[in-house]
Amino acid sequence: MGMLYSRPMPVADHFIAFCRADAYGKTAVADLGEVCETCYTHCAGGKTELWRHARDEHGADPNLSCHVPGCGRRFFAAAMCADHRAHHHIAGPSGRPPLTCELCGRLSVNRSAYYKHVNAAHPEARAAMCGVCHSYEGDVWSLIDHVRRRHVLELVTAETTAASNGSYPKRAHRRSIRCTVCGKRYGNNHNMNAHRRVHGLADDLVPVHPQ
């Protein structure tokens, strides 16, 4: 009898949890990584590696990117992307659509809830998270390129406002303090410089991308 379907199904590694006992006899669930739904490639590094794989290998797939003007979020699963698009026109308590986590599809009603979720569920992703549109860019170099391409206007406008507004200099200065890597806004330079360590950069210089 011939094979009806010759490609392997991605169930063994992706959907079945493997349990084992640790050194103290407690049962723990081993992280077996993730499997790409498009080509069934196994990504041992979990959702962040799977997201980068989908970006690099399936970036042209229209089912994995949101094409709503001004969005551009990427996903590694078509169902997550479709659910994200369906919520674009649903306003939350803030009047804005809920933020979608590109690594698991979770919806957050505001930025505070979104960052709490990322810090708890995907702490390794914080270094490559945009501070303006809150999208995940995969790595710090891609994040720097993203901010320079997509959000240079916000950064330049903040600096211009701080320099030209003589009526409310303190308020204008607060609006102008942004991380030069991700564009996230801060109330003072101390907090901004402390935040920059998330990107692996302790000083105020943005290094040149290695050639």
N, C-alpha and C. Protein backbone atom coordinates (compact mmCIF):
# COMPACT_ATOMS: atom_id res chain seq x y z
N MET A 1 0.85 -1.19 0.00
CA MET A 1 0.00 0.00 0.00
C MET A 1 0.89 1.25 0.00
N GLY A 2 0.60 2.16 -0.90
CA GLY A 2 1.44 3.35 -1.02
C GLY A 2 1.17 4.34 0.10
N MET A 3 2.18 5.21 0.34
CA MET A 3 2.03 6.25 1.35
C MET A 3 1.10 7.34 0.82
N LEU A 4 0.13 7.72 1.63
CA LEU A 4 -0.78 8.79 1.24
C LEU A 4 -0.16 10.16 1.50
N TYR A 5 0.72 10.23 2.49
CA TYR A 5 1.33 11.51 2.85
C TYR A 5 2.76 11.22 3.27
N SER A 6 3.72 11.66 2.48
CA SER A 6 5.11 11.26 2.71
C SER A 6 5.86 12.17 3.66
N ARG A 7 5.38 13.41 3.88
CA ARG A 7 6.11 14.33 4.75
C ARG A 7 5.80 14.03 6.21
N PRO A 8 6.77 14.14 7.09
CA PRO A 8 6.54 13.83 8.51
C PRO A 8 5.64 14.86 9.17
N MET A 9 4.79 14.41 10.06
CA MET A 9 3.93 15.31 10.80
C MET A 9 4.70 15.87 11.99
N PRO A 10 4.55 17.16 12.30
CA PRO A 10 5.35 17.78 13.36
C PRO A 10 4.76 17.60 14.75
N VAL A 11 4.33 16.38 15.08
CA VAL A 11 3.68 16.18 16.37
C VAL A 11 4.65 15.71 17.44
N ALA A 12 5.66 14.97 17.06
CA ALA A 12 6.51 14.33 18.05
C ALA A 12 7.23 15.34 18.93
N ASP A 13 7.76 16.40 18.31
CA ASP A 13 8.54 17.37 19.07
C ASP A 13 7.71 18.56 19.53
N HIS A 14 6.68 18.90 18.78
CA HIS A 14 5.99 20.16 19.05
C HIS A 14 4.79 20.02 19.97
N PHE A 15 4.07 18.92 19.89
CA PHE A 15 2.82 18.81 20.62
C PHE A 15 2.84 17.82 21.78
N ILE A 16 3.89 17.03 21.89
CA ILE A 16 3.97 16.06 22.96
C ILE A 16 4.99 16.51 23.99
N ALA A 17 4.58 16.66 25.23
CA ALA A 17 5.50 17.07 26.29
C ALA A 17 6.27 15.86 26.82
N PHE A 18 7.55 16.03 27.00
CA PHE A 18 8.39 14.95 27.51
C PHE A 18 8.70 15.24 28.97
N CYS A 19 8.33 14.33 29.85
CA CYS A 19 8.52 14.53 31.28
C CYS A 19 9.69 13.70 31.78
N ARG A 20 10.47 14.29 32.67
CA ARG A 20 11.58 13.58 33.27
C ARG A 20 11.77 14.09 34.69
N ALA A 21 12.45 13.31 35.51
CA ALA A 21 12.69 13.69 36.89
C ALA A 21 14.01 14.45 37.00
N ASP A 22 14.00 15.52 37.80
CA ASP A 22 15.23 16.27 37.98
C ASP A 22 16.05 15.68 39.12
N ALA A 23 17.10 16.37 39.55
CA ALA A 23 18.02 15.84 40.57
C ALA A 23 17.34 15.66 41.92
N TYR A 24 16.22 16.36 42.14
CA TYR A 24 15.53 16.28 43.42
C TYR A 24 14.32 15.34 43.35
N GLY A 25 14.16 14.63 42.24
CA GLY A 25 13.06 13.69 42.12
C GLY A 25 11.76 14.30 41.66
N LYS A 26 11.77 15.61 41.39
CA LYS A 26 10.55 16.27 40.94
C LYS A 26 10.41 16.12 39.43
N THR A 27 9.17 15.97 39.00
CA THR A 27 8.91 15.81 37.57
C THR A 27 8.92 17.16 36.87
N ALA A 28 9.68 17.25 35.78
CA ALA A 28 9.78 18.48 35.02
C ALA A 28 9.47 18.19 33.56
N VAL A 29 8.92 19.18 32.89
CA VAL A 29 8.62 19.05 31.46
C VAL A 29 9.79 19.61 30.66
N ALA A 30 10.38 18.79 29.82
CA ALA A 30 11.51 19.21 29.02
C ALA A 30 11.05 20.08 27.85
N ASP A 31 11.81 21.12 27.57
CA ASP A 31 11.50 21.99 26.44
C ASP A 31 12.08 21.37 25.18
N LEU A 32 11.22 20.86 24.32
CA LEU A 32 11.66 20.20 23.11
C LEU A 32 11.71 21.13 21.91
N GLY A 33 11.55 22.43 22.15
CA GLY A 33 11.62 23.39 21.07
C GLY A 33 10.31 23.53 20.32
N GLU A 34 10.40 24.08 19.12
CA GLU A 34 9.24 24.35 18.29
C GLU A 34 9.47 23.82 16.88
N VAL A 35 8.40 23.58 16.14
CA VAL A 35 8.49 23.09 14.77
C VAL A 35 7.77 24.05 13.84
N CYS A 36 8.42 24.42 12.75
CA CYS A 36 7.82 25.32 11.76
C CYS A 36 6.66 24.63 11.07
N GLU A 37 5.51 25.29 11.03
CA GLU A 37 4.34 24.69 10.41
C GLU A 37 4.42 24.69 8.88
N THR A 38 5.34 25.48 8.33
CA THR A 38 5.48 25.57 6.87
C THR A 38 6.40 24.49 6.31
N CYS A 39 7.58 24.31 6.92
CA CYS A 39 8.56 23.36 6.39
C CYS A 39 8.95 22.28 7.39
N TYR A 40 8.37 22.31 8.61
CA TYR A 40 8.59 21.31 9.64
C TYR A 40 10.02 21.29 10.17
N THR A 41 10.74 22.40 10.02
CA THR A 41 12.07 22.50 10.60
C THR A 41 11.97 22.60 12.11
N HIS A 42 12.80 21.85 12.82
CA HIS A 42 12.79 21.88 14.28
C HIS A 42 13.69 23.00 14.77
N CYS A 43 13.17 23.85 15.65
CA CYS A 43 13.92 24.97 16.22
C CYS A 43 14.09 24.72 17.72
N ALA A 44 15.27 24.25 18.10
CA ALA A 44 15.50 23.88 19.50
C ALA A 44 15.49 25.09 20.43
N GLY A 45 15.70 26.30 19.88
CA GLY A 45 15.75 27.50 20.71
C GLY A 45 14.40 28.06 21.10
N GLY A 46 13.32 27.38 20.77
CA GLY A 46 12.00 27.83 21.18
C GLY A 46 11.38 28.83 20.23
N LYS A 47 10.44 29.63 20.76
CA LYS A 47 9.65 30.52 19.92
C LYS A 47 10.47 31.63 19.28
N THR A 48 11.48 32.15 19.98
CA THR A 48 12.29 33.21 19.39
C THR A 48 13.07 32.70 18.19
N GLU A 49 13.64 31.50 18.29
CA GLU A 49 14.35 30.92 17.15
C GLU A 49 13.38 30.59 16.02
N LEU A 50 12.19 30.10 16.37
CA LEU A 50 11.18 29.80 15.36
C LEU A 50 10.76 31.06 14.62
N TRP A 51 10.59 32.17 15.36
CA TRP A 51 10.21 33.43 14.73
C TRP A 51 11.29 33.88 13.75
N ARG A 52 12.57 33.80 14.16
CA ARG A 52 13.66 34.20 13.27
C ARG A 52 13.73 33.29 12.05
N HIS A 53 13.47 32.00 12.25
CA HIS A 53 13.46 31.05 11.13
C HIS A 53 12.37 31.45 10.13
N ALA A 54 11.16 31.75 10.63
CA ALA A 54 10.06 32.13 9.74
C ALA A 54 10.37 33.43 9.01
N ARG A 55 11.02 34.37 9.70
CA ARG A 55 11.39 35.64 9.05
C ARG A 55 12.41 35.40 7.93
N ASP A 56 13.44 34.61 8.22
CA ASP A 56 14.53 34.42 7.26
C ASP A 56 14.16 33.48 6.12
N GLU A 57 13.38 32.44 6.41
CA GLU A 57 13.09 31.42 5.41
C GLU A 57 11.74 31.60 4.72
N HIS A 58 10.79 32.23 5.42
CA HIS A 58 9.43 32.35 4.86
C HIS A 58 8.95 33.79 4.90
N GLY A 59 9.87 34.72 4.80
CA GLY A 59 9.52 36.14 4.90
C GLY A 59 8.60 36.62 3.79
N ALA A 60 8.60 35.93 2.65
CA ALA A 60 7.74 36.34 1.53
C ALA A 60 6.33 35.76 1.61
N ASP A 61 6.07 34.92 2.61
CA ASP A 61 4.74 34.31 2.74
C ASP A 61 3.74 35.36 3.23
N PRO A 62 2.76 35.72 2.42
CA PRO A 62 1.80 36.76 2.82
C PRO A 62 0.93 36.37 4.01
N ASN A 63 0.83 35.07 4.29
CA ASN A 63 0.01 34.62 5.40
C ASN A 63 0.69 34.80 6.76
N LEU A 64 1.96 35.19 6.75
CA LEU A 64 2.71 35.32 8.00
C LEU A 64 3.01 36.77 8.36
N SER A 65 2.55 37.71 7.55
CA SER A 65 2.80 39.13 7.81
C SER A 65 1.49 39.91 7.75
N CYS A 66 1.38 40.89 8.63
CA CYS A 66 0.20 41.76 8.63
C CYS A 66 0.43 42.89 7.63
N HIS A 67 -0.50 43.03 6.69
CA HIS A 67 -0.36 44.04 5.65
C HIS A 67 -1.26 45.24 5.87
N VAL A 68 -1.81 45.38 7.08
CA VAL A 68 -2.55 46.59 7.41
C VAL A 68 -1.56 47.76 7.41
N PRO A 69 -1.85 48.85 6.70
CA PRO A 69 -0.91 49.98 6.64
C PRO A 69 -0.44 50.44 8.01
N GLY A 70 0.87 50.56 8.15
CA GLY A 70 1.45 51.02 9.40
C GLY A 70 1.73 49.95 10.42
N CYS A 71 1.42 48.68 10.10
CA CYS A 71 1.63 47.61 11.06
C CYS A 71 2.89 46.82 10.74
N GLY A 72 2.80 45.85 9.84
CA GLY A 72 3.97 45.09 9.44
C GLY A 72 4.41 44.01 10.40
N ARG A 73 3.59 43.64 11.39
CA ARG A 73 3.98 42.61 12.33
C ARG A 73 4.13 41.26 11.62
N ARG A 74 5.10 40.45 12.11
CA ARG A 74 5.37 39.14 11.52
C ARG A 74 5.05 38.05 12.53
N PHE A 75 4.63 36.90 12.01
CA PHE A 75 4.29 35.76 12.86
C PHE A 75 4.87 34.50 12.23
N PHE A 76 4.99 33.44 13.04
CA PHE A 76 5.48 32.18 12.50
C PHE A 76 4.35 31.20 12.21
N ALA A 77 3.11 31.60 12.50
CA ALA A 77 1.94 30.76 12.25
C ALA A 77 0.86 31.59 11.58
N ALA A 78 0.26 31.04 10.52
CA ALA A 78 -0.76 31.77 9.77
C ALA A 78 -1.98 32.08 10.64
N ALA A 79 -2.36 31.16 11.54
CA ALA A 79 -3.53 31.37 12.39
C ALA A 79 -3.31 32.55 13.34
N MET A 80 -2.08 32.69 13.86
CA MET A 80 -1.77 33.82 14.75
C MET A 80 -1.87 35.13 14.00
N CYS A 81 -1.39 35.15 12.76
CA CYS A 81 -1.44 36.37 11.95
C CYS A 81 -2.89 36.74 11.62
N ALA A 82 -3.70 35.75 11.27
CA ALA A 82 -5.11 35.99 10.94
C ALA A 82 -5.86 36.53 12.15
N ASP A 83 -5.59 35.98 13.33
CA ASP A 83 -6.25 36.44 14.55
C ASP A 83 -5.82 37.87 14.86
N HIS A 84 -4.55 38.17 14.64
CA HIS A 84 -4.06 39.53 14.86
C HIS A 84 -4.78 40.52 13.95
N ARG A 85 -4.90 40.19 12.66
CA ARG A 85 -5.57 41.09 11.72
C ARG A 85 -7.04 41.30 12.10
N ALA A 86 -7.67 40.26 12.63
CA ALA A 86 -9.08 40.36 12.99
C ALA A 86 -9.31 41.34 14.14
N HIS A 87 -8.27 41.60 14.94
CA HIS A 87 -8.42 42.50 16.08
C HIS A 87 -7.94 43.92 15.79
N HIS A 88 -7.55 44.20 14.55
CA HIS A 88 -7.04 45.52 14.22
C HIS A 88 -8.08 46.61 14.42
N HIS A 89 -9.34 46.31 14.17
CA HIS A 89 -10.38 47.33 14.22
C HIS A 89 -11.20 47.26 15.52
N ILE A 90 -10.70 46.51 16.49
CA ILE A 90 -11.38 46.41 17.79
C ILE A 90 -10.62 47.27 18.79
N ALA A 91 -11.22 48.34 19.23
CA ALA A 91 -10.54 49.24 20.16
C ALA A 91 -10.71 48.76 21.59
N GLY A 92 -9.61 48.81 22.34
CA GLY A 92 -9.64 48.44 23.75
C GLY A 92 -9.99 49.64 24.61
N PRO A 93 -9.79 49.55 25.93
CA PRO A 93 -10.11 50.66 26.84
C PRO A 93 -9.35 51.94 26.49
N SER A 94 -8.16 51.81 25.91
CA SER A 94 -7.36 52.98 25.57
C SER A 94 -7.80 53.61 24.25
N GLY A 95 -8.71 52.97 23.52
CA GLY A 95 -9.12 53.48 22.22
C GLY A 95 -8.29 52.94 21.09
N ARG A 96 -7.24 52.16 21.42
CA ARG A 96 -6.37 51.57 20.41
C ARG A 96 -6.63 50.07 20.34
N PRO A 97 -6.30 49.44 19.21
CA PRO A 97 -6.47 47.98 19.13
C PRO A 97 -5.51 47.29 20.08
N PRO A 98 -5.86 46.10 20.55
CA PRO A 98 -4.97 45.39 21.48
C PRO A 98 -3.65 45.02 20.82
N LEU A 99 -2.59 44.99 21.61
CA LEU A 99 -1.27 44.61 21.11
C LEU A 99 -1.17 43.09 21.06
N THR A 100 -0.63 42.58 19.96
CA THR A 100 -0.49 41.14 19.78
C THR A 100 0.96 40.73 19.95
N CYS A 101 1.20 39.74 20.78
CA CYS A 101 2.55 39.20 20.93
C CYS A 101 2.86 38.33 19.71
N GLU A 102 3.93 38.65 19.01
CA GLU A 102 4.27 37.91 17.80
C GLU A 102 4.87 36.53 18.09
N LEU A 103 5.18 36.27 19.36
CA LEU A 103 5.79 35.00 19.73
C LEU A 103 4.79 33.97 20.23
N CYS A 104 3.60 34.41 20.63
CA CYS A 104 2.62 33.43 21.09
C CYS A 104 1.18 33.81 20.75
N GLY A 105 0.96 35.02 20.21
CA GLY A 105 -0.38 35.44 19.80
C GLY A 105 -1.22 36.04 20.90
N ARG A 106 -0.69 36.19 22.11
CA ARG A 106 -1.47 36.74 23.22
C ARG A 106 -1.82 38.21 22.96
N LEU A 107 -3.07 38.57 23.27
CA LEU A 107 -3.53 39.95 23.11
C LEU A 107 -3.42 40.68 24.44
N SER A 108 -2.92 41.91 24.40
CA SER A 108 -2.79 42.74 25.60
C SER A 108 -3.54 44.04 25.36
N VAL A 109 -4.27 44.50 26.37
CA VAL A 109 -5.14 45.67 26.19
C VAL A 109 -4.35 46.97 26.14
N ASN A 110 -3.13 47.00 26.70
CA ASN A 110 -2.32 48.22 26.69
C ASN A 110 -0.84 47.86 26.75
N ARG A 111 0.00 48.89 26.66
CA ARG A 111 1.44 48.66 26.64
C ARG A 111 1.95 48.05 27.93
N SER A 112 1.41 48.50 29.07
CA SER A 112 1.86 47.99 30.35
C SER A 112 1.64 46.48 30.45
N ALA A 113 0.43 46.03 30.07
CA ALA A 113 0.13 44.60 30.10
C ALA A 113 0.99 43.84 29.10
N TYR A 114 1.26 44.47 27.96
CA TYR A 114 2.09 43.82 26.94
C TYR A 114 3.50 43.59 27.44
N TYR A 115 4.10 44.62 28.05
CA TYR A 115 5.47 44.48 28.54
C TYR A 115 5.55 43.50 29.71
N LYS A 116 4.53 43.48 30.55
CA LYS A 116 4.51 42.50 31.65
C LYS A 116 4.49 41.09 31.09
N HIS A 117 3.70 40.89 30.04
CA HIS A 117 3.63 39.57 29.42
C HIS A 117 4.97 39.17 28.82
N VAL A 118 5.60 40.08 28.07
CA VAL A 118 6.89 39.77 27.44
C VAL A 118 7.95 39.49 28.49
N ASN A 119 7.99 40.29 29.56
CA ASN A 119 8.98 40.08 30.61
C ASN A 119 8.81 38.73 31.29
N ALA A 120 7.56 38.28 31.43
CA ALA A 120 7.30 37.02 32.12
C ALA A 120 7.43 35.82 31.20
N ALA A 121 6.93 35.92 29.97
CA ALA A 121 6.87 34.75 29.08
C ALA A 121 8.03 34.66 28.10
N HIS A 122 8.56 35.82 27.67
CA HIS A 122 9.62 35.81 26.65
C HIS A 122 10.75 36.77 27.03
N PRO A 123 11.37 36.62 28.19
CA PRO A 123 12.39 37.59 28.61
C PRO A 123 13.56 37.69 27.64
N GLU A 124 13.85 36.61 26.92
CA GLU A 124 14.96 36.64 25.97
C GLU A 124 14.67 37.53 24.77
N ALA A 125 13.39 37.91 24.58
CA ALA A 125 13.00 38.72 23.43
C ALA A 125 13.07 40.21 23.70
N ARG A 126 13.29 40.62 24.96
CA ARG A 126 13.25 42.03 25.30
C ARG A 126 14.32 42.85 24.57
N ALA A 127 15.47 42.23 24.30
CA ALA A 127 16.57 42.97 23.67
C ALA A 127 16.24 43.42 22.26
N ALA A 128 15.31 42.74 21.59
CA ALA A 128 14.99 43.06 20.19
C ALA A 128 13.57 43.58 20.03
N MET A 129 13.00 44.17 21.09
CA MET A 129 11.63 44.67 21.05
C MET A 129 11.63 46.17 20.79
N CYS A 130 10.85 46.61 19.80
CA CYS A 130 10.76 48.03 19.46
C CYS A 130 9.99 48.78 20.55
N GLY A 131 10.56 49.90 20.99
CA GLY A 131 9.93 50.69 22.04
C GLY A 131 8.90 51.67 21.52
N VAL A 132 8.72 51.77 20.20
CA VAL A 132 7.74 52.70 19.62
C VAL A 132 6.48 51.95 19.18
N CYS A 133 6.65 50.94 18.33
CA CYS A 133 5.47 50.19 17.85
C CYS A 133 5.35 48.83 18.52
N HIS A 134 6.33 48.47 19.39
CA HIS A 134 6.27 47.26 20.22
C HIS A 134 6.32 45.97 19.41
N SER A 135 6.91 46.02 18.24
CA SER A 135 7.07 44.81 17.43
C SER A 135 8.38 44.12 17.79
N TYR A 136 8.43 42.82 17.55
CA TYR A 136 9.64 42.04 17.80
C TYR A 136 10.44 41.99 16.50
N GLU A 137 11.75 42.27 16.57
CA GLU A 137 12.59 42.33 15.37
C GLU A 137 13.62 41.22 15.26
N GLY A 138 13.69 40.32 16.23
CA GLY A 138 14.54 39.15 16.12
C GLY A 138 15.93 39.28 16.70
N ASP A 139 16.59 40.42 16.50
CA ASP A 139 17.93 40.65 17.05
C ASP A 139 18.16 42.16 17.13
N VAL A 140 19.18 42.56 17.87
CA VAL A 140 19.41 43.98 18.13
C VAL A 140 19.73 44.74 16.85
N TRP A 141 20.51 44.12 15.94
CA TRP A 141 20.87 44.82 14.70
C TRP A 141 19.64 45.07 13.84
N SER A 142 18.75 44.09 13.75
CA SER A 142 17.51 44.29 13.00
C SER A 142 16.64 45.35 13.67
N LEU A 143 16.68 45.41 15.00
CA LEU A 143 15.92 46.42 15.73
C LEU A 143 16.43 47.82 15.41
N ILE A 144 17.75 48.00 15.42
CA ILE A 144 18.33 49.30 15.10
C ILE A 144 17.94 49.73 13.69
N ASP A 145 18.02 48.80 12.74
CA ASP A 145 17.64 49.11 11.36
C ASP A 145 16.15 49.47 11.28
N HIS A 146 15.32 48.72 12.02
CA HIS A 146 13.87 48.97 12.02
C HIS A 146 13.55 50.37 12.53
N VAL A 147 14.17 50.76 13.65
CA VAL A 147 13.90 52.07 14.24
C VAL A 147 14.37 53.18 13.30
N ARG A 148 15.52 53.01 12.67
CA ARG A 148 16.03 54.03 11.76
C ARG A 148 15.14 54.17 10.52
N ARG A 149 14.54 53.07 10.07
CA ARG A 149 13.69 53.11 8.87
C ARG A 149 12.28 53.58 9.19
N ARG A 150 11.70 53.04 10.27
CA ARG A 150 10.28 53.24 10.54
C ARG A 150 9.99 54.40 11.48
N HIS A 151 10.90 54.71 12.40
CA HIS A 151 10.58 55.65 13.47
C HIS A 151 11.54 56.83 13.58
N VAL A 152 12.28 57.08 12.53
CA VAL A 152 13.21 58.21 12.59
C VAL A 152 12.46 59.52 12.78
N LEU A 153 11.23 59.62 12.25
CA LEU A 153 10.45 60.85 12.38
C LEU A 153 10.12 61.13 13.84
N GLU A 154 9.74 60.08 14.60
CA GLU A 154 9.43 60.27 16.02
C GLU A 154 10.65 60.75 16.79
N LEU A 155 11.80 60.19 16.49
CA LEU A 155 13.02 60.56 17.19
C LEU A 155 13.43 61.99 16.87
N VAL A 156 13.37 62.36 15.59
CA VAL A 156 13.75 63.71 15.19
C VAL A 156 12.76 64.73 15.73
N THR A 157 11.46 64.41 15.70
CA THR A 157 10.44 65.33 16.22
C THR A 157 10.62 65.59 17.70
N ALA A 158 10.96 64.55 18.47
CA ALA A 158 11.17 64.71 19.91
C ALA A 158 12.34 65.64 20.18
N GLU A 159 13.43 65.46 19.44
CA GLU A 159 14.60 66.31 19.64
C GLU A 159 14.31 67.75 19.25
N THR A 160 13.58 67.95 18.16
CA THR A 160 13.24 69.29 17.71
C THR A 160 12.32 69.99 18.69
N THR A 161 11.35 69.23 19.24
CA THR A 161 10.43 69.80 20.22
C THR A 161 11.16 70.26 21.46
N ALA A 162 12.10 69.45 21.93
CA ALA A 162 12.86 69.80 23.13
C ALA A 162 13.71 71.03 22.90
N ALA A 163 14.24 71.20 21.70
CA ALA A 163 15.13 72.32 21.42
C ALA A 163 14.37 73.62 21.19
N SER A 164 13.14 73.53 20.67
CA SER A 164 12.41 74.74 20.26
C SER A 164 11.36 75.20 21.25
N ASN A 165 10.92 74.34 22.15
CA ASN A 165 9.82 74.70 23.05
C ASN A 165 10.40 75.39 24.28
N GLY A 166 10.24 76.73 24.34
CA GLY A 166 10.78 77.47 25.47
C GLY A 166 9.80 77.63 26.61
N SER A 167 8.51 77.39 26.35
CA SER A 167 7.49 77.58 27.39
C SER A 167 7.52 76.48 28.41
N TYR A 168 7.70 75.23 27.97
CA TYR A 168 7.68 74.10 28.87
C TYR A 168 8.94 73.25 28.64
N PRO A 169 10.11 73.79 29.01
CA PRO A 169 11.36 73.07 28.71
C PRO A 169 11.46 71.72 29.38
N LYS A 170 10.99 71.59 30.63
CA LYS A 170 11.10 70.31 31.32
C LYS A 170 10.21 69.27 30.67
N ARG A 171 8.97 69.67 30.33
CA ARG A 171 8.04 68.73 29.71
C ARG A 171 8.55 68.32 28.33
N ALA A 172 9.07 69.28 27.58
CA ALA A 172 9.60 68.98 26.25
C ALA A 172 10.81 68.06 26.36
N HIS A 173 11.65 68.30 27.37
CA HIS A 173 12.83 67.46 27.55
C HIS A 173 12.43 66.04 27.87
N ARG A 174 11.40 65.87 28.69
CA ARG A 174 10.94 64.52 29.02
C ARG A 174 10.46 63.79 27.77
N ARG A 175 9.79 64.52 26.87
CA ARG A 175 9.31 63.88 25.65
C ARG A 175 10.46 63.50 24.72
N SER A 176 11.62 64.15 24.87
CA SER A 176 12.71 63.93 23.94
C SER A 176 13.64 62.79 24.35
N ILE A 177 13.53 62.27 25.56
CA ILE A 177 14.44 61.23 26.04
C ILE A 177 13.96 59.88 25.53
N ARG A 178 14.62 59.37 24.53
CA ARG A 178 14.29 58.08 23.95
C ARG A 178 15.55 57.24 23.83
N CYS A 179 15.38 55.94 23.96
CA CYS A 179 16.49 55.01 23.76
C CYS A 179 16.89 55.08 22.29
N THR A 180 18.19 55.27 22.02
CA THR A 180 18.65 55.39 20.64
C THR A 180 18.71 54.04 19.93
N VAL A 181 18.43 52.96 20.64
CA VAL A 181 18.39 51.63 20.02
C VAL A 181 16.97 51.26 19.62
N CYS A 182 16.02 51.33 20.57
CA CYS A 182 14.65 50.89 20.31
C CYS A 182 13.64 52.02 20.25
N GLY A 183 14.03 53.24 20.66
CA GLY A 183 13.11 54.37 20.59
C GLY A 183 12.16 54.50 21.76
N LYS A 184 12.30 53.66 22.77
CA LYS A 184 11.38 53.71 23.92
C LYS A 184 11.60 55.01 24.69
N ARG A 185 10.50 55.61 25.16
CA ARG A 185 10.54 56.91 25.82
C ARG A 185 10.75 56.74 27.33
N TYR A 186 11.58 57.64 27.90
CA TYR A 186 11.84 57.61 29.33
C TYR A 186 11.78 59.03 29.90
N GLY A 187 11.54 59.11 31.21
CA GLY A 187 11.41 60.40 31.87
C GLY A 187 12.73 61.04 32.23
N ASN A 188 13.80 60.26 32.30
CA ASN A 188 15.12 60.83 32.61
C ASN A 188 16.21 59.95 32.02
N ASN A 189 17.39 60.52 31.90
CA ASN A 189 18.51 59.82 31.27
C ASN A 189 18.98 58.61 32.09
N HIS A 190 18.85 58.68 33.41
CA HIS A 190 19.29 57.57 34.26
C HIS A 190 18.50 56.31 33.95
N ASN A 191 17.17 56.43 33.88
CA ASN A 191 16.33 55.27 33.57
C ASN A 191 16.56 54.78 32.15
N MET A 192 16.77 55.72 31.22
CA MET A 192 17.00 55.32 29.83
C MET A 192 18.31 54.55 29.69
N ASN A 193 19.38 55.03 30.34
CA ASN A 193 20.67 54.34 30.25
C ASN A 193 20.62 52.98 30.94
N ALA A 194 19.86 52.87 32.03
CA ALA A 194 19.70 51.57 32.69
C ALA A 194 18.95 50.60 31.78
N HIS A 195 17.95 51.12 31.07
CA HIS A 195 17.20 50.30 30.13
C HIS A 195 18.07 49.79 28.99
N ARG A 196 19.00 50.59 28.52
CA ARG A 196 19.84 50.23 27.37
C ARG A 196 20.62 48.95 27.60
N ARG A 197 20.85 48.61 28.86
CA ARG A 197 21.58 47.37 29.15
C ARG A 197 20.80 46.13 28.70
N VAL A 198 19.49 46.28 28.54
CA VAL A 198 18.68 45.18 28.01
C VAL A 198 19.15 44.82 26.60
N HIS A 199 19.60 45.82 25.85
CA HIS A 199 20.08 45.59 24.49
C HIS A 199 21.55 45.16 24.46
N GLY A 200 22.20 45.08 25.63
CA GLY A 200 23.62 44.75 25.67
C GLY A 200 24.50 45.96 25.43
N LEU A 201 23.93 47.16 25.58
CA LEU A 201 24.67 48.40 25.35
C LEU A 201 24.57 49.27 26.60
N ALA A 202 25.69 49.48 27.29
CA ALA A 202 25.67 50.21 28.55
C ALA A 202 25.88 51.70 28.36
N ASP A 203 26.53 52.12 27.25
CA ASP A 203 26.78 53.55 27.04
C ASP A 203 25.76 54.13 26.07
N ASP A 204 26.00 55.36 25.66
CA ASP A 204 25.04 56.07 24.80
C ASP A 204 25.40 55.97 23.33
N LEU A 205 26.28 55.05 22.98
CA LEU A 205 26.69 54.92 21.59
C LEU A 205 26.02 53.73 20.94
N VAL A 206 25.56 53.89 19.71
CA VAL A 206 25.02 52.78 18.94
C VAL A 206 26.13 52.26 18.06
N PRO A 207 26.62 51.03 18.27
CA PRO A 207 27.74 50.52 17.49
C PRO A 207 27.37 50.33 16.03
N VAL A 208 28.39 50.36 15.20
CA VAL A 208 28.20 50.13 13.77
C VAL A 208 27.97 48.65 13.53
N HIS A 209 26.99 48.36 12.69
CA HIS A 209 26.69 46.95 12.38
C HIS A 209 27.93 46.28 11.79
N PRO A 210 28.32 45.11 12.33
CA PRO A 210 29.50 44.43 11.79
C PRO A 210 29.29 44.03 10.34
N GLN A 211 30.30 44.25 9.53
CA GLN A 211 30.21 43.90 8.10
C GLN A 211 30.52 42.43 7.88
